[in-house]
Amino acid sequence: MKLLIVTVVEEFDTEILQMFKKAHIDSYSGSDIDGYKNVAPMVRTASWFPSKKGGVESSLFFSFTEDENIDQLFGLIKEFNSKMETNNPIKAVVVPIEKSI
């Protein structure tokens, strides 16, 4: 069993949840988060409120799941990201679990 962590911009919430279903990841948790990237100073000064820093509405999902499910999900994510027209790919990481109760 491993810990799967996925971040996605809010616009792709439906797609990642469909991918979870296809990969047989039925149990997971999620949370709304704000995503940030380092912004070039020119862009920051061009905004109406340059002192205000805003994040991109995003989601974080995590699940304790098996390798087979993770491999299937990673394949689906790679395919999705390869067809993406924006610069906001779905990102996923896997963390091994040493102990669990």
PDB file of N, CA and C in Angstrom:
ATOM      1  N   MET A   1       0.844  -1.173   0.000  1.00  0.00           N
ATOM      2  CA  MET A   1       0.000   0.000   0.000  1.00  0.00           C
ATOM      3  C   MET A   1       0.894   1.243   0.000  1.00  0.00           C
ATOM      4  N   LYS A   2       0.439   2.233  -0.784  1.00  0.00           N
ATOM      5  CA  LYS A   2       1.183   3.481  -0.884  1.00  0.00           C
ATOM      6  C   LYS A   2       0.220   4.650  -0.785  1.00  0.00           C
ATOM      7  N   LEU A   3       0.785   5.811  -0.488  1.00  0.00           N
ATOM      8  CA  LEU A   3      -0.002   7.034  -0.413  1.00  0.00           C
ATOM      9  C   LEU A   3       0.122   7.764  -1.745  1.00  0.00           C
ATOM     10  N   LEU A   4      -1.003   7.981  -2.385  1.00  0.00           N
ATOM     11  CA  LEU A   4      -1.075   8.704  -3.644  1.00  0.00           C
ATOM     12  C   LEU A   4      -1.560  10.116  -3.355  1.00  0.00           C
ATOM     13  N   ILE A   5      -0.849  11.124  -3.881  1.00  0.00           N
ATOM     14  CA  ILE A   5      -1.238  12.521  -3.710  1.00  0.00           C
ATOM     15  C   ILE A   5      -1.353  13.144  -5.100  1.00  0.00           C
ATOM     16  N   VAL A   6      -2.491  13.784  -5.370  1.00  0.00           N
ATOM     17  CA  VAL A   6      -2.752  14.378  -6.682  1.00  0.00           C
ATOM     18  C   VAL A   6      -3.182  15.822  -6.499  1.00  0.00           C
ATOM     19  N   THR A   7      -2.596  16.726  -7.287  1.00  0.00           N
ATOM     20  CA  THR A   7      -3.053  18.119  -7.304  1.00  0.00           C
ATOM     21  C   THR A   7      -3.536  18.438  -8.710  1.00  0.00           C
ATOM     22  N   VAL A   8      -4.594  19.257  -8.762  1.00  0.00           N
ATOM     23  CA  VAL A   8      -5.214  19.583 -10.038  1.00  0.00           C
ATOM     24  C   VAL A   8      -5.899  20.937  -9.912  1.00  0.00           C
ATOM     25  N   VAL A   9      -5.888  21.728 -10.995  1.00  0.00           N
ATOM     26  CA  VAL A   9      -6.656  22.964 -10.971  1.00  0.00           C
ATOM     27  C   VAL A   9      -8.136  22.594 -10.959  1.00  0.00           C
ATOM     28  N   GLU A  10      -8.926  23.455 -10.336  1.00  0.00           N
ATOM     29  CA  GLU A  10     -10.344  23.165 -10.113  1.00  0.00           C
ATOM     30  C   GLU A  10     -11.092  22.792 -11.395  1.00  0.00           C
ATOM     31  N   GLU A  11     -10.701  23.352 -12.526  1.00  0.00           N
ATOM     32  CA  GLU A  11     -11.384  23.077 -13.796  1.00  0.00           C
ATOM     33  C   GLU A  11     -11.321  21.604 -14.182  1.00  0.00           C
ATOM     34  N   PHE A  12     -10.337  20.854 -13.649  1.00  0.00           N
ATOM     35  CA  PHE A  12     -10.172  19.458 -14.023  1.00  0.00           C
ATOM     36  C   PHE A  12     -10.595  18.488 -12.923  1.00  0.00           C
ATOM     37  N   ASP A  13     -11.336  18.975 -11.926  1.00  0.00           N
ATOM     38  CA  ASP A  13     -11.811  18.094 -10.844  1.00  0.00           C
ATOM     39  C   ASP A  13     -12.613  16.911 -11.382  1.00  0.00           C
ATOM     40  N   THR A  14     -13.540  17.180 -12.286  1.00  0.00           N
ATOM     41  CA  THR A  14     -14.384  16.116 -12.830  1.00  0.00           C
ATOM     42  C   THR A  14     -13.546  15.067 -13.546  1.00  0.00           C
ATOM     43  N   GLU A  15     -12.576  15.517 -14.324  1.00  0.00           N
ATOM     44  CA  GLU A  15     -11.739  14.595 -15.080  1.00  0.00           C
ATOM     45  C   GLU A  15     -10.914  13.699 -14.159  1.00  0.00           C
ATOM     46  N   ILE A  16     -10.309  14.276 -13.109  1.00  0.00           N
ATOM     47  CA  ILE A  16      -9.483  13.438 -12.236  1.00  0.00           C
ATOM     48  C   ILE A  16     -10.344  12.444 -11.467  1.00  0.00           C
ATOM     49  N   LEU A  17     -11.541  12.836 -11.090  1.00  0.00           N
ATOM     50  CA  LEU A  17     -12.415  11.900 -10.383  1.00  0.00           C
ATOM     51  C   LEU A  17     -12.853  10.763 -11.302  1.00  0.00           C
ATOM     52  N   GLN A  18     -13.036  11.043 -12.580  1.00  0.00           N
ATOM     53  CA  GLN A  18     -13.333   9.986 -13.544  1.00  0.00           C
ATOM     54  C   GLN A  18     -12.133   9.046 -13.690  1.00  0.00           C
ATOM     55  N   MET A  19     -10.940   9.616 -13.677  1.00  0.00           N
ATOM     56  CA  MET A  19      -9.721   8.802 -13.761  1.00  0.00           C
ATOM     57  C   MET A  19      -9.587   7.907 -12.533  1.00  0.00           C
ATOM     58  N   PHE A  20      -9.894   8.454 -11.343  1.00  0.00           N
ATOM     59  CA  PHE A  20      -9.864   7.642 -10.130  1.00  0.00           C
ATOM     60  C   PHE A  20     -10.787   6.441 -10.291  1.00  0.00           C
ATOM     61  N   LYS A  21     -11.960   6.677 -10.814  1.00  0.00           N
ATOM     62  CA  LYS A  21     -12.936   5.596 -10.990  1.00  0.00           C
ATOM     63  C   LYS A  21     -12.410   4.536 -11.961  1.00  0.00           C
ATOM     64  N   LYS A  22     -11.848   4.974 -13.096  1.00  0.00           N
ATOM     65  CA  LYS A  22     -11.300   4.040 -14.090  1.00  0.00           C
ATOM     66  C   LYS A  22     -10.141   3.234 -13.518  1.00  0.00           C
ATOM     67  N   ALA A  23      -9.380   3.840 -12.599  1.00  0.00           N
ATOM     68  CA  ALA A  23      -8.223   3.167 -11.994  1.00  0.00           C
ATOM     69  C   ALA A  23      -8.613   2.355 -10.760  1.00  0.00           C
ATOM     70  N   HIS A  24      -9.905   2.271 -10.483  1.00  0.00           N
ATOM     71  CA  HIS A  24     -10.429   1.511  -9.334  1.00  0.00           C
ATOM     72  C   HIS A  24      -9.945   2.056  -7.997  1.00  0.00           C
ATOM     73  N   ILE A  25      -9.797   3.368  -7.928  1.00  0.00           N
ATOM     74  CA  ILE A  25      -9.475   4.042  -6.669  1.00  0.00           C
ATOM     75  C   ILE A  25     -10.799   4.584  -6.143  1.00  0.00           C
ATOM     76  N   ASP A  26     -11.422   3.801  -5.282  1.00  0.00           N
ATOM     77  CA  ASP A  26     -12.767   4.118  -4.811  1.00  0.00           C
ATOM     78  C   ASP A  26     -12.786   4.900  -3.509  1.00  0.00           C
ATOM     79  N   SER A  27     -11.715   4.832  -2.747  1.00  0.00           N
ATOM     80  CA  SER A  27     -11.646   5.549  -1.467  1.00  0.00           C
ATOM     81  C   SER A  27     -10.547   6.596  -1.545  1.00  0.00           C
ATOM     82  N   TYR A  28     -10.931   7.831  -1.332  1.00  0.00           N
ATOM     83  CA  TYR A  28      -9.963   8.932  -1.374  1.00  0.00           C
ATOM     84  C   TYR A  28     -10.526  10.098  -0.583  1.00  0.00           C
ATOM     85  N   SER A  29      -9.675  11.043  -0.292  1.00  0.00           N
ATOM     86  CA  SER A  29     -10.074  12.275   0.383  1.00  0.00           C
ATOM     87  C   SER A  29      -9.636  13.443  -0.478  1.00  0.00           C
ATOM     88  N   GLY A  30     -10.300  14.578  -0.303  1.00  0.00           N
ATOM     89  CA  GLY A  30      -9.963  15.747  -1.093  1.00  0.00           C
ATOM     90  C   GLY A  30     -10.119  17.023  -0.305  1.00  0.00           C
ATOM     91  N   SER A  31      -9.471  18.054  -0.794  1.00  0.00           N
ATOM     92  CA  SER A  31      -9.538  19.353  -0.137  1.00  0.00           C
ATOM     93  C   SER A  31      -9.319  20.450  -1.168  1.00  0.00           C
ATOM     94  N   ASP A  32      -9.988  21.578  -0.974  1.00  0.00           N
ATOM     95  CA  ASP A  32      -9.755  22.747  -1.820  1.00  0.00           C
ATOM     96  C   ASP A  32      -8.481  23.437  -1.347  1.00  0.00           C
ATOM     97  N   ILE A  33      -7.644  23.825  -2.294  1.00  0.00           N
ATOM     98  CA  ILE A  33      -6.395  24.516  -1.980  1.00  0.00           C
ATOM     99  C   ILE A  33      -6.205  25.659  -2.972  1.00  0.00           C
ATOM    100  N   ASP A  34      -5.279  26.547  -2.694  1.00  0.00           N
ATOM    101  CA  ASP A  34      -4.866  27.584  -3.634  1.00  0.00           C
ATOM    102  C   ASP A  34      -3.486  27.213  -4.154  1.00  0.00           C
ATOM    103  N   GLY A  35      -3.338  27.204  -5.465  1.00  0.00           N
ATOM    104  CA  GLY A  35      -2.048  26.903  -6.073  1.00  0.00           C
ATOM    105  C   GLY A  35      -1.328  28.178  -6.450  1.00  0.00           C
ATOM    106  N   TYR A  36      -0.025  28.214  -6.285  1.00  0.00           N
ATOM    107  CA  TYR A  36       0.773  29.398  -6.578  1.00  0.00           C
ATOM    108  C   TYR A  36       1.959  29.029  -7.458  1.00  0.00           C
ATOM    109  N   LYS A  37       2.320  29.934  -8.338  1.00  0.00           N
ATOM    110  CA  LYS A  37       3.535  29.830  -9.136  1.00  0.00           C
ATOM    111  C   LYS A  37       4.285  31.131  -8.957  1.00  0.00           C
ATOM    112  N   ASN A  38       5.594  31.092  -9.093  1.00  0.00           N
ATOM    113  CA  ASN A  38       6.361  32.332  -9.068  1.00  0.00           C
ATOM    114  C   ASN A  38       6.002  33.127 -10.307  1.00  0.00           C
ATOM    115  N   VAL A  39       5.540  34.344 -10.091  1.00  0.00           N
ATOM    116  CA  VAL A  39       5.096  35.191 -11.187  1.00  0.00           C
ATOM    117  C   VAL A  39       6.177  36.205 -11.503  1.00  0.00           C
ATOM    118  N   ALA A  40       6.394  36.443 -12.788  1.00  0.00           N
ATOM    119  CA  ALA A  40       7.388  37.437 -13.200  1.00  0.00           C
ATOM    120  C   ALA A  40       6.969  38.819 -12.694  1.00  0.00           C
ATOM    121  N   PRO A  41       7.914  39.647 -12.264  1.00  0.00           N
ATOM    122  CA  PRO A  41       7.576  40.974 -11.734  1.00  0.00           C
ATOM    123  C   PRO A  41       6.743  41.820 -12.694  1.00  0.00           C
ATOM    124  N   MET A  42       6.958  41.694 -14.003  1.00  0.00           N
ATOM    125  CA  MET A  42       6.215  42.485 -14.976  1.00  0.00           C
ATOM    126  C   MET A  42       4.723  42.174 -14.892  1.00  0.00           C
ATOM    127  N   VAL A  43       4.381  40.912 -14.760  1.00  0.00           N
ATOM    128  CA  VAL A  43       2.978  40.517 -14.668  1.00  0.00           C
ATOM    129  C   VAL A  43       2.372  41.048 -13.372  1.00  0.00           C
ATOM    130  N   ARG A  44       3.108  40.965 -12.297  1.00  0.00           N
ATOM    131  CA  ARG A  44       2.602  41.412 -11.010  1.00  0.00           C
ATOM    132  C   ARG A  44       2.321  42.913 -11.012  1.00  0.00           C
ATOM    133  N   THR A  45       3.194  43.692 -11.634  1.00  0.00           N
ATOM    134  CA  THR A  45       2.984  45.136 -11.632  1.00  0.00           C
ATOM    135  C   THR A  45       1.905  45.551 -12.613  1.00  0.00           C
ATOM    136  N   ALA A  46       1.558  44.679 -13.542  1.00  0.00           N
ATOM    137  CA  ALA A  46       0.532  45.011 -14.531  1.00  0.00           C
ATOM    138  C   ALA A  46      -0.880  44.816 -13.993  1.00  0.00           C
ATOM    139  N   SER A  47      -1.034  44.181 -12.847  1.00  0.00           N
ATOM    140  CA  SER A  47      -2.376  43.934 -12.330  1.00  0.00           C
ATOM    141  C   SER A  47      -2.955  45.205 -11.712  1.00  0.00           C
ATOM    142  N   TRP A  48      -4.260  45.207 -11.534  1.00  0.00           N
ATOM    143  CA  TRP A  48      -4.937  46.350 -10.935  1.00  0.00           C
ATOM    144  C   TRP A  48      -4.541  46.540  -9.482  1.00  0.00           C
ATOM    145  N   PHE A  49      -4.309  45.424  -8.789  1.00  0.00           N
ATOM    146  CA  PHE A  49      -3.950  45.462  -7.366  1.00  0.00           C
ATOM    147  C   PHE A  49      -2.627  44.722  -7.187  1.00  0.00           C
ATOM    148  N   PRO A  50      -1.502  45.343  -7.527  1.00  0.00           N
ATOM    149  CA  PRO A  50      -0.225  44.647  -7.534  1.00  0.00           C
ATOM    150  C   PRO A  50       0.214  44.100  -6.179  1.00  0.00           C
ATOM    151  N   SER A  51      -0.277  44.648  -5.087  1.00  0.00           N
ATOM    152  CA  SER A  51       0.143  44.147  -3.784  1.00  0.00           C
ATOM    153  C   SER A  51      -0.632  42.900  -3.385  1.00  0.00           C
ATOM    154  N   LYS A  52      -1.699  42.607  -4.117  1.00  0.00           N
ATOM    155  CA  LYS A  52      -2.530  41.449  -3.796  1.00  0.00           C
ATOM    156  C   LYS A  52      -2.016  40.226  -4.539  1.00  0.00           C
ATOM    157  N   LYS A  53      -1.700  39.181  -3.779  1.00  0.00           N
ATOM    158  CA  LYS A  53      -1.244  37.938  -4.391  1.00  0.00           C
ATOM    159  C   LYS A  53      -2.382  36.939  -4.327  1.00  0.00           C
ATOM    160  N   GLY A  54      -2.769  36.420  -5.458  1.00  0.00           N
ATOM    161  CA  GLY A  54      -3.872  35.475  -5.498  1.00  0.00           C
ATOM    162  C   GLY A  54      -3.417  34.145  -6.052  1.00  0.00           C
ATOM    163  N   GLY A  55      -4.017  33.086  -5.541  1.00  0.00           N
ATOM    164  CA  GLY A  55      -3.690  31.758  -6.013  1.00  0.00           C
ATOM    165  C   GLY A  55      -4.742  31.259  -6.978  1.00  0.00           C
ATOM    166  N   VAL A  56      -4.425  30.161  -7.612  1.00  0.00           N
ATOM    167  CA  VAL A  56      -5.341  29.494  -8.515  1.00  0.00           C
ATOM    168  C   VAL A  56      -6.135  28.483  -7.703  1.00  0.00           C
ATOM    169  N   GLU A  57      -7.452  28.523  -7.850  1.00  0.00           N
ATOM    170  CA  GLU A  57      -8.276  27.567  -7.124  1.00  0.00           C
ATOM    171  C   GLU A  57      -7.968  26.168  -7.633  1.00  0.00           C
ATOM    172  N   SER A  58      -7.560  25.309  -6.714  1.00  0.00           N
ATOM    173  CA  SER A  58      -7.103  23.972  -7.053  1.00  0.00           C
ATOM    174  C   SER A  58      -7.674  22.967  -6.060  1.00  0.00           C
ATOM    175  N   SER A  59      -7.383  21.702  -6.320  1.00  0.00           N
ATOM    176  CA  SER A  59      -7.822  20.632  -5.423  1.00  0.00           C
ATOM    177  C   SER A  59      -6.658  19.698  -5.155  1.00  0.00           C
ATOM    178  N   LEU A  60      -6.661  19.123  -3.976  1.00  0.00           N
ATOM    179  CA  LEU A  60      -5.686  18.120  -3.586  1.00  0.00           C
ATOM    180  C   LEU A  60      -6.470  16.874  -3.198  1.00  0.00           C
ATOM    181  N   PHE A  61      -6.101  15.747  -3.771  1.00  0.00           N
ATOM    182  CA  PHE A  61      -6.723  14.470  -3.444  1.00  0.00           C
ATOM    183  C   PHE A  61      -5.647  13.528  -2.943  1.00  0.00           C
ATOM    184  N   PHE A  62      -6.012  12.658  -1.998  1.00  0.00           N
ATOM    185  CA  PHE A  62      -5.066  11.630  -1.587  1.00  0.00           C
ATOM    186  C   PHE A  62      -5.802  10.343  -1.277  1.00  0.00           C
ATOM    187  N   SER A  63      -5.068   9.242  -1.465  1.00  0.00           N
ATOM    188  CA  SER A  63      -5.654   7.925  -1.265  1.00  0.00           C
ATOM    189  C   SER A  63      -4.560   6.949  -0.862  1.00  0.00           C
ATOM    190  N   PHE A  64      -4.910   6.034   0.015  1.00  0.00           N
ATOM    191  CA  PHE A  64      -4.049   4.899   0.333  1.00  0.00           C
ATOM    192  C   PHE A  64      -4.510   3.779  -0.587  1.00  0.00           C
ATOM    193  N   THR A  65      -3.648   3.389  -1.519  1.00  0.00           N
ATOM    194  CA  THR A  65      -4.073   2.423  -2.530  1.00  0.00           C
ATOM    195  C   THR A  65      -2.922   1.520  -2.963  1.00  0.00           C
ATOM    196  N   GLU A  66      -3.238   0.590  -3.850  1.00  0.00           N
ATOM    197  CA  GLU A  66      -2.269  -0.419  -4.296  1.00  0.00           C
ATOM    198  C   GLU A  66      -1.547   0.020  -5.574  1.00  0.00           C
ATOM    199  N   ASP A  67      -0.386  -0.598  -5.823  1.00  0.00           N
ATOM    200  CA  ASP A  67       0.450  -0.264  -6.976  1.00  0.00           C
ATOM    201  C   ASP A  67      -0.291  -0.359  -8.306  1.00  0.00           C
ATOM    202  N   GLU A  68      -1.107  -1.412  -8.480  1.00  0.00           N
ATOM    203  CA  GLU A  68      -1.802  -1.613  -9.754  1.00  0.00           C
ATOM    204  C   GLU A  68      -2.709  -0.421 -10.065  1.00  0.00           C
ATOM    205  N   ASN A  69      -3.413   0.073  -9.054  1.00  0.00           N
ATOM    206  CA  ASN A  69      -4.300   1.206  -9.240  1.00  0.00           C
ATOM    207  C   ASN A  69      -3.511   2.468  -9.572  1.00  0.00           C
ATOM    208  N   ILE A  70      -2.395   2.640  -8.896  1.00  0.00           N
ATOM    209  CA  ILE A  70      -1.548   3.813  -9.127  1.00  0.00           C
ATOM    210  C   ILE A  70      -0.995   3.792 -10.552  1.00  0.00           C
ATOM    211  N   ASP A  71      -0.517   2.624 -10.994  1.00  0.00           N
ATOM    212  CA  ASP A  71       0.029   2.515 -12.349  1.00  0.00           C
ATOM    213  C   ASP A  71      -1.026   2.867 -13.392  1.00  0.00           C
ATOM    214  N   GLN A  72      -2.239   2.378 -13.184  1.00  0.00           N
ATOM    215  CA  GLN A  72      -3.318   2.672 -14.116  1.00  0.00           C
ATOM    216  C   GLN A  72      -3.647   4.166 -14.111  1.00  0.00           C
ATOM    217  N   LEU A  73      -3.716   4.773 -12.930  1.00  0.00           N
ATOM    218  CA  LEU A  73      -4.008   6.206 -12.835  1.00  0.00           C
ATOM    219  C   LEU A  73      -2.909   7.030 -13.490  1.00  0.00           C
ATOM    220  N   PHE A  74      -1.644   6.683 -13.263  1.00  0.00           N
ATOM    221  CA  PHE A  74      -0.541   7.441 -13.859  1.00  0.00           C
ATOM    222  C   PHE A  74      -0.623   7.397 -15.386  1.00  0.00           C
ATOM    223  N   GLY A  75      -1.012   6.254 -15.946  1.00  0.00           N
ATOM    224  CA  GLY A  75      -1.181   6.153 -17.394  1.00  0.00           C
ATOM    225  C   GLY A  75      -2.266   7.098 -17.892  1.00  0.00           C
ATOM    226  N   LEU A  76      -3.388   7.153 -17.167  1.00  0.00           N
ATOM    227  CA  LEU A  76      -4.489   8.049 -17.536  1.00  0.00           C
ATOM    228  C   LEU A  76      -4.085   9.515 -17.420  1.00  0.00           C
ATOM    229  N   ILE A  77      -3.341   9.848 -16.360  1.00  0.00           N
ATOM    230  CA  ILE A  77      -2.891  11.229 -16.169  1.00  0.00           C
ATOM    231  C   ILE A  77      -1.907  11.627 -17.280  1.00  0.00           C
ATOM    232  N   LYS A  78      -0.967  10.738 -17.619  1.00  0.00           N
ATOM    233  CA  LYS A  78      -0.001  11.047 -18.683  1.00  0.00           C
ATOM    234  C   LYS A  78      -0.715  11.311 -19.998  1.00  0.00           C
ATOM    235  N   GLU A  79      -1.707  10.492 -20.306  1.00  0.00           N
ATOM    236  CA  GLU A  79      -2.466  10.681 -21.539  1.00  0.00           C
ATOM    237  C   GLU A  79      -3.212  12.020 -21.516  1.00  0.00           C
ATOM    238  N   PHE A  80      -3.850  12.331 -20.396  1.00  0.00           N
ATOM    239  CA  PHE A  80      -4.588  13.590 -20.251  1.00  0.00           C
ATOM    240  C   PHE A  80      -3.651  14.786 -20.399  1.00  0.00           C
ATOM    241  N   ASN A  81      -2.519  14.754 -19.696  1.00  0.00           N
ATOM    242  CA  ASN A  81      -1.564  15.868 -19.739  1.00  0.00           C
ATOM    243  C   ASN A  81      -0.973  16.068 -21.135  1.00  0.00           C
ATOM    244  N   SER A  82      -0.806  14.984 -21.896  1.00  0.00           N
ATOM    245  CA  SER A  82      -0.214  15.099 -23.233  1.00  0.00           C
ATOM    246  C   SER A  82      -1.130  15.839 -24.196  1.00  0.00           C
ATOM    247  N   LYS A  83      -2.431  15.858 -23.916  1.00  0.00           N
ATOM    248  CA  LYS A  83      -3.403  16.523 -24.787  1.00  0.00           C
ATOM    249  C   LYS A  83      -3.813  17.899 -24.258  1.00  0.00           C
ATOM    250  N   MET A  84      -3.216  18.313 -23.174  1.00  0.00           N
ATOM    251  CA  MET A  84      -3.607  19.545 -22.500  1.00  0.00           C
ATOM    252  C   MET A  84      -3.168  20.780 -23.273  1.00  0.00           C
ATOM    253  N   GLU A  85      -4.041  21.781 -23.305  1.00  0.00           N
ATOM    254  CA  GLU A  85      -3.736  23.027 -23.996  1.00  0.00           C
ATOM    255  C   GLU A  85      -3.316  24.136 -23.037  1.00  0.00           C
ATOM    256  N   THR A  86      -3.420  23.899 -21.729  1.00  0.00           N
ATOM    257  CA  THR A  86      -3.021  24.904 -20.749  1.00  0.00           C
ATOM    258  C   THR A  86      -1.706  24.496 -20.104  1.00  0.00           C
ATOM    259  N   ASN A  87      -1.185  25.363 -19.256  1.00  0.00           N
ATOM    260  CA  ASN A  87       0.066  25.074 -18.551  1.00  0.00           C
ATOM    261  C   ASN A  87      -0.232  24.661 -17.106  1.00  0.00           C
ATOM    262  N   ASN A  88      -1.286  23.869 -16.923  1.00  0.00           N
ATOM    263  CA  ASN A  88      -1.677  23.418 -15.586  1.00  0.00           C
ATOM    264  C   ASN A  88      -1.872  21.908 -15.574  1.00  0.00           C
ATOM    265  N   PRO A  89      -0.805  21.146 -15.757  1.00  0.00           N
ATOM    266  CA  PRO A  89      -0.973  19.694 -15.800  1.00  0.00           C
ATOM    267  C   PRO A  89      -1.399  19.130 -14.445  1.00  0.00           C
ATOM    268  N   ILE A  90      -2.049  17.987 -14.510  1.00  0.00           N
ATOM    269  CA  ILE A  90      -2.352  17.247 -13.281  1.00  0.00           C
ATOM    270  C   ILE A  90      -1.025  16.703 -12.777  1.00  0.00           C
ATOM    271  N   LYS A  91      -0.780  16.847 -11.491  1.00  0.00           N
ATOM    272  CA  LYS A  91       0.462  16.345 -10.893  1.00  0.00           C
ATOM    273  C   LYS A  91       0.127  15.290  -9.860  1.00  0.00           C
ATOM    274  N   ALA A  92       0.942  14.250  -9.811  1.00  0.00           N
ATOM    275  CA  ALA A  92       0.718  13.165  -8.859  1.00  0.00           C
ATOM    276  C   ALA A  92       2.054  12.653  -8.340  1.00  0.00           C
ATOM    277  N   VAL A  93       2.069  12.276  -7.076  1.00  0.00           N
ATOM    278  CA  VAL A  93       3.243  11.669  -6.453  1.00  0.00           C
ATOM    279  C   VAL A  93       2.789  10.465  -5.628  1.00  0.00           C
ATOM    280  N   VAL A  94       3.730   9.576  -5.397  1.00  0.00           N
ATOM    281  CA  VAL A  94       3.463   8.383  -4.605  1.00  0.00           C
ATOM    282  C   VAL A  94       4.475   8.340  -3.465  1.00  0.00           C
ATOM    283  N   VAL A  95       3.972   8.065  -2.281  1.00  0.00           N
ATOM    284  CA  VAL A  95       4.814   7.990  -1.090  1.00  0.00           C
ATOM    285  C   VAL A  95       4.663   6.586  -0.492  1.00  0.00           C
ATOM    286  N   PRO A  96       5.770   5.864  -0.289  1.00  0.00           N
ATOM    287  CA  PRO A  96       5.638   4.547   0.329  1.00  0.00           C
ATOM    288  C   PRO A  96       5.226   4.647   1.793  1.00  0.00           C
ATOM    289  N   ILE A  97       4.475   3.672   2.235  1.00  0.00           N
ATOM    290  CA  ILE A  97       4.008   3.633   3.622  1.00  0.00           C
ATOM    291  C   ILE A  97       4.841   2.596   4.374  1.00  0.00           C
ATOM    292  N   GLU A  98       5.527   3.019   5.422  1.00  0.00           N
ATOM    293  CA  GLU A  98       6.325   2.097   6.216  1.00  0.00           C
ATOM    294  C   GLU A  98       5.495   1.363   7.249  1.00  0.00           C
ATOM    295  N   LYS A  99       4.555   2.066   7.860  1.00  0.00           N
ATOM    296  CA  LYS A  99       3.678   1.481   8.874  1.00  0.00           C
ATOM    297  C   LYS A  99       2.283   2.066   8.704  1.00  0.00           C
ATOM    298  N   SER A 100       1.286   1.261   9.073  1.00  0.00           N
ATOM    299  CA  SER A 100      -0.075   1.788   9.066  1.00  0.00           C
ATOM    300  C   SER A 100      -0.897   1.001  10.084  1.00  0.00           C
ATOM    301  N   ILE A 101      -1.966   1.615  10.525  1.00  0.00           N
ATOM    302  CA  ILE A 101      -2.879   0.962  11.483  1.00  0.00           C
ATOM    303  C   ILE A 101      -4.257   0.982  10.885  1.00  0.00           C
TER     304      ILE A 101
END
